[in-house]
Amino acid sequence: MDTQNQILRVGIEGRWTATEMASSLKEINFLYDLRLYLNAIEETEPYLEEMSHFYPPFQRYGKSFLFARYAQPLHQPEDLNRNTKIIFPEHVLRVSQIKYASPGIKDLLGLEGVLKEVRLFIQYLLDRDQQREAQELDNQGKRIKNARDFAKLRVESARADKEIEMLSSDGYGEIVEDNTRQLSRLVEERKIVSIEMLEGEPNQKE
């Protein structure tokens, strides 16, 4: 796994309640944890066959054993977050800085490759909002597809296996959708106005 850290900057505007600030950070953290978890699963794919020679449950059940054990936490953000802290304690998403103003910023420090996926997801919400009035129905379908794509495993060999492909099913798209409703609302209310990856060192101050 690429261990290079980077900062994701969320541009904010307007007046925020404490609940809105907390829920936005919680939902961004959910996206980060989910993609970190799925990326780790993708990286184990080349080693699953080798594991089957040394670990008896793999000889009998194959990949279904792995996902019966590890896929379930993806259903609940709290379980996912707890497992992330246990399995990847050095890669949890951290707050770098928050400047509350209009405009203001929220800087979050985490793995570069994972944050890029989160940025693309939120950028879609921003782009969709700009076109919302003209293309409401079309955007509804694209919004759901965006959620499903975010939760999709990208390893081609994995997609051929039904046990792994379950993670790309509509159910996981719905989980992403359900756990990013506040982000969508904040974008629609023009409280989240931009998303970008910062260039330079993560500890760089402006």
Protein backbone atom coordinates (compact mmCIF):
# COMPACT_ATOMS: atom_id res chain seq x y z
CA MET A 1 0.00 0.00 0.00
CA ASP A 2 1.25 3.47 -0.91
CA THR A 3 2.01 5.16 2.41
CA GLN A 4 2.55 8.70 1.16
CA ASN A 5 0.40 11.19 3.04
CA GLN A 6 -1.32 14.20 1.53
CA ILE A 7 -3.83 16.84 2.55
CA LEU A 8 -7.38 17.08 1.27
CA ARG A 9 -8.73 20.62 1.50
CA VAL A 10 -12.46 21.22 1.74
CA GLY A 11 -13.55 24.78 0.99
CA ILE A 12 -16.46 25.99 3.11
CA GLU A 13 -18.76 29.01 3.13
CA GLY A 14 -21.58 30.41 5.21
CA ARG A 15 -22.69 29.71 8.76
CA TRP A 16 -22.30 26.19 10.11
CA THR A 17 -23.84 24.53 13.13
CA ALA A 18 -21.74 22.27 15.32
CA THR A 19 -23.85 19.33 14.13
CA GLU A 20 -23.14 20.15 10.48
CA MET A 21 -19.41 20.41 11.11
CA ALA A 22 -19.36 17.11 13.00
CA SER A 23 -21.51 15.24 10.48
CA SER A 24 -19.45 16.45 7.51
CA LEU A 25 -16.23 15.24 9.11
CA LYS A 26 -17.89 11.94 10.05
CA GLU A 27 -19.10 11.31 6.51
CA ILE A 28 -15.76 12.24 4.92
CA ASN A 29 -14.10 9.90 7.42
CA PHE A 30 -16.55 7.14 6.40
CA LEU A 31 -15.59 7.58 2.73
CA TYR A 32 -11.90 7.48 3.67
CA ASP A 33 -12.25 4.37 5.85
CA LEU A 34 -14.29 2.54 3.21
CA ARG A 35 -11.85 3.23 0.40
CA LEU A 36 -8.87 2.40 2.63
CA TYR A 37 -10.52 -0.92 3.50
CA LEU A 38 -11.39 -1.76 -0.11
CA ASN A 39 -7.94 -0.76 -1.35
CA ALA A 40 -6.41 -3.13 1.20
CA ILE A 41 -8.69 -5.94 0.00
CA GLU A 42 -7.60 -5.26 -3.57
CA GLU A 43 -3.97 -5.52 -2.58
CA THR A 44 -4.48 -8.92 -0.92
CA GLU A 45 -5.93 -10.39 -4.14
CA PRO A 46 -2.56 -11.54 -5.58
CA TYR A 47 -1.78 -13.39 -2.33
CA LEU A 48 -5.06 -15.22 -1.82
CA GLU A 49 -4.03 -18.24 -3.87
CA GLU A 50 -0.77 -18.49 -1.95
CA MET A 51 -2.65 -18.24 1.34
CA SER A 52 -4.87 -21.16 0.37
CA HIS A 53 -1.86 -23.48 0.50
CA PHE A 54 -1.04 -22.59 4.10
CA TYR A 55 -4.37 -21.79 5.74
CA PRO A 56 -6.90 -24.65 5.79
CA PRO A 57 -10.11 -22.52 5.67
CA PHE A 58 -8.94 -21.09 2.37
CA GLN A 59 -8.48 -24.58 0.94
CA ARG A 60 -12.12 -25.35 1.66
CA TYR A 61 -13.92 -22.04 1.27
CA GLY A 62 -11.59 -19.86 -0.79
CA LYS A 63 -12.26 -16.12 -0.90
CA SER A 64 -15.72 -16.52 0.62
CA PHE A 65 -14.01 -17.17 3.98
CA LEU A 66 -12.18 -13.85 3.79
CA PHE A 67 -15.26 -11.86 2.93
CA ALA A 68 -17.58 -13.62 5.33
CA ARG A 69 -15.22 -12.37 8.00
CA TYR A 70 -14.20 -8.94 6.74
CA ALA A 71 -16.97 -7.66 4.48
CA GLN A 72 -19.62 -7.41 7.17
CA PRO A 73 -18.06 -4.37 8.93
CA LEU A 74 -18.60 -2.38 5.75
CA HIS A 75 -22.32 -2.30 6.54
CA GLN A 76 -21.86 -0.13 9.64
CA PRO A 77 -19.66 2.99 9.65
CA GLU A 78 -18.90 2.57 13.35
CA ASP A 79 -17.65 -0.99 12.87
CA LEU A 80 -15.69 0.05 9.81
CA ASN A 81 -14.04 2.89 11.70
CA ARG A 82 -13.18 0.66 14.65
CA ASN A 83 -11.60 -1.96 12.38
CA THR A 84 -9.67 0.71 10.50
CA LYS A 85 -8.18 1.97 13.76
CA ILE A 86 -7.14 -1.58 14.67
CA ILE A 87 -5.80 -2.68 11.26
CA PHE A 88 -4.41 0.64 9.98
CA PRO A 89 -3.70 2.74 13.10
CA GLU A 90 -0.97 4.70 11.30
CA HIS A 91 -3.26 5.57 8.38
CA VAL A 92 -6.38 6.94 10.08
CA LEU A 93 -7.68 10.23 8.72
CA ARG A 94 -6.54 13.20 10.79
CA VAL A 95 -7.52 16.84 11.00
CA SER A 96 -4.62 19.05 9.93
CA GLN A 97 -6.37 22.39 10.40
CA ILE A 98 -9.78 24.04 10.35
CA LYS A 99 -10.32 27.72 9.59
CA TYR A 100 -13.90 28.66 10.25
CA ALA A 101 -14.77 31.70 8.16
CA SER A 102 -16.60 32.57 4.97
CA PRO A 103 -14.65 31.42 3.06
CA GLY A 104 -12.99 28.88 5.32
CA ILE A 105 -11.21 25.54 5.00
CA LYS A 106 -10.99 22.07 6.52
CA ASP A 107 -7.67 20.29 5.89
CA LEU A 108 -7.59 16.52 6.40
CA LEU A 109 -4.39 14.47 6.41
CA GLY A 110 -4.38 10.89 5.13
CA LEU A 111 -3.08 8.49 2.51
CA GLU A 112 -2.74 10.22 -0.85
CA GLY A 113 -4.23 7.41 -2.93
CA VAL A 114 -7.28 7.09 -0.68
CA LEU A 115 -7.85 10.85 -0.44
CA LYS A 116 -7.81 11.12 -4.23
CA GLU A 117 -10.80 8.75 -4.35
CA VAL A 118 -12.60 10.81 -1.71
CA ARG A 119 -11.85 14.02 -3.61
CA LEU A 120 -13.32 12.58 -6.81
CA PHE A 121 -16.48 11.54 -4.99
CA ILE A 122 -17.03 14.96 -3.44
CA GLN A 123 -16.06 16.71 -6.67
CA TYR A 124 -18.88 14.81 -8.33
CA LEU A 125 -21.31 16.16 -5.74
CA LEU A 126 -20.11 19.68 -6.50
CA ASP A 127 -20.34 19.20 -10.26
CA ARG A 128 -23.76 17.61 -9.96
CA ASP A 129 -25.07 20.50 -7.92
CA GLN A 130 -24.02 22.99 -10.57
CA GLN A 131 -26.14 21.13 -13.13
CA ARG A 132 -28.92 20.08 -10.77
CA GLU A 133 -31.74 22.31 -11.94
CA ALA A 134 -31.30 21.51 -15.62
CA GLN A 135 -30.74 17.79 -15.29
CA GLU A 136 -32.43 16.66 -12.07
CA LEU A 137 -33.57 13.22 -13.21
CA ASP A 138 -30.38 12.45 -15.07
CA ASN A 139 -28.29 13.52 -12.09
CA GLN A 140 -30.28 11.25 -9.78
CA GLY A 141 -29.14 8.22 -11.75
CA LYS A 142 -25.57 9.51 -11.96
CA ARG A 143 -25.51 10.19 -8.22
CA ILE A 144 -26.39 6.57 -7.47
CA LYS A 145 -23.80 5.35 -9.98
CA ASN A 146 -21.21 7.57 -8.31
CA ALA A 147 -21.94 5.93 -4.96
CA ARG A 148 -21.72 2.44 -6.46
CA ASP A 149 -18.50 3.22 -8.28
CA PHE A 150 -16.94 4.50 -5.05
CA ALA A 151 -17.64 1.17 -3.32
CA LYS A 152 -16.48 -0.93 -6.26
CA LEU A 153 -13.38 -3.09 -6.22
CA ARG A 154 -11.17 -2.26 -9.17
CA VAL A 155 -9.12 -5.47 -9.44
CA GLU A 156 -10.14 -7.14 -12.69
CA SER A 157 -9.41 -10.64 -11.48
CA ALA A 158 -11.48 -10.01 -8.36
CA ARG A 159 -14.56 -8.99 -10.32
CA ALA A 160 -14.85 -12.50 -11.71
CA ASP A 161 -15.42 -13.90 -8.22
CA LYS A 162 -18.94 -13.56 -6.87
CA GLU A 163 -17.73 -13.40 -3.27
CA ILE A 164 -15.72 -10.27 -4.03
CA GLU A 165 -18.16 -8.86 -6.54
CA MET A 166 -20.75 -8.62 -3.77
CA LEU A 167 -18.87 -5.58 -2.55
CA SER A 168 -19.67 -3.84 -5.83
CA SER A 169 -23.38 -4.62 -5.60
CA ASP A 170 -26.19 -2.13 -5.30
CA GLY A 171 -26.27 -2.75 -1.55
CA TYR A 172 -22.89 -1.14 -1.02
CA GLY A 173 -23.78 1.74 -3.29
CA GLU A 174 -26.78 2.34 -1.04
CA ILE A 175 -24.55 2.28 2.03
CA VAL A 176 -22.38 5.00 0.51
CA GLU A 177 -25.50 6.93 -0.45
CA ASP A 178 -27.01 6.64 3.04
CA ASN A 179 -23.81 7.75 4.75
CA THR A 180 -23.13 10.81 2.62
CA ARG A 181 -26.52 12.52 2.77
CA GLN A 182 -25.25 15.39 4.91
CA LEU A 183 -22.35 16.02 2.52
CA SER A 184 -24.84 16.18 -0.35
CA ARG A 185 -27.05 18.58 1.59
CA LEU A 186 -24.13 20.84 2.52
CA VAL A 187 -23.08 20.98 -1.12
CA GLU A 188 -26.63 21.84 -2.19
CA GLU A 189 -26.75 24.62 0.42
CA ARG A 190 -23.42 25.99 -0.89
CA LYS A 191 -21.69 25.38 2.43
CA ILE A 192 -19.16 23.03 0.84
CA VAL A 193 -17.91 24.88 -2.21
CA SER A 194 -14.64 23.23 -3.29
CA ILE A 195 -12.44 20.18 -2.86
CA GLU A 196 -8.76 19.84 -3.74
CA MET A 197 -5.55 18.01 -2.97
CA LEU A 198 -2.82 20.31 -1.72
CA GLU A 199 0.54 20.35 -3.45
CA GLY A 200 3.72 20.21 -1.43
CA GLU A 201 4.49 18.71 1.96
CA PRO A 202 1.55 17.75 4.22
CA ASN A 203 2.91 19.84 7.08
CA GLN A 204 3.21 22.94 4.94
CA LYS A 205 1.49 25.97 6.48
CA GLU A 206 0.03 28.89 4.63
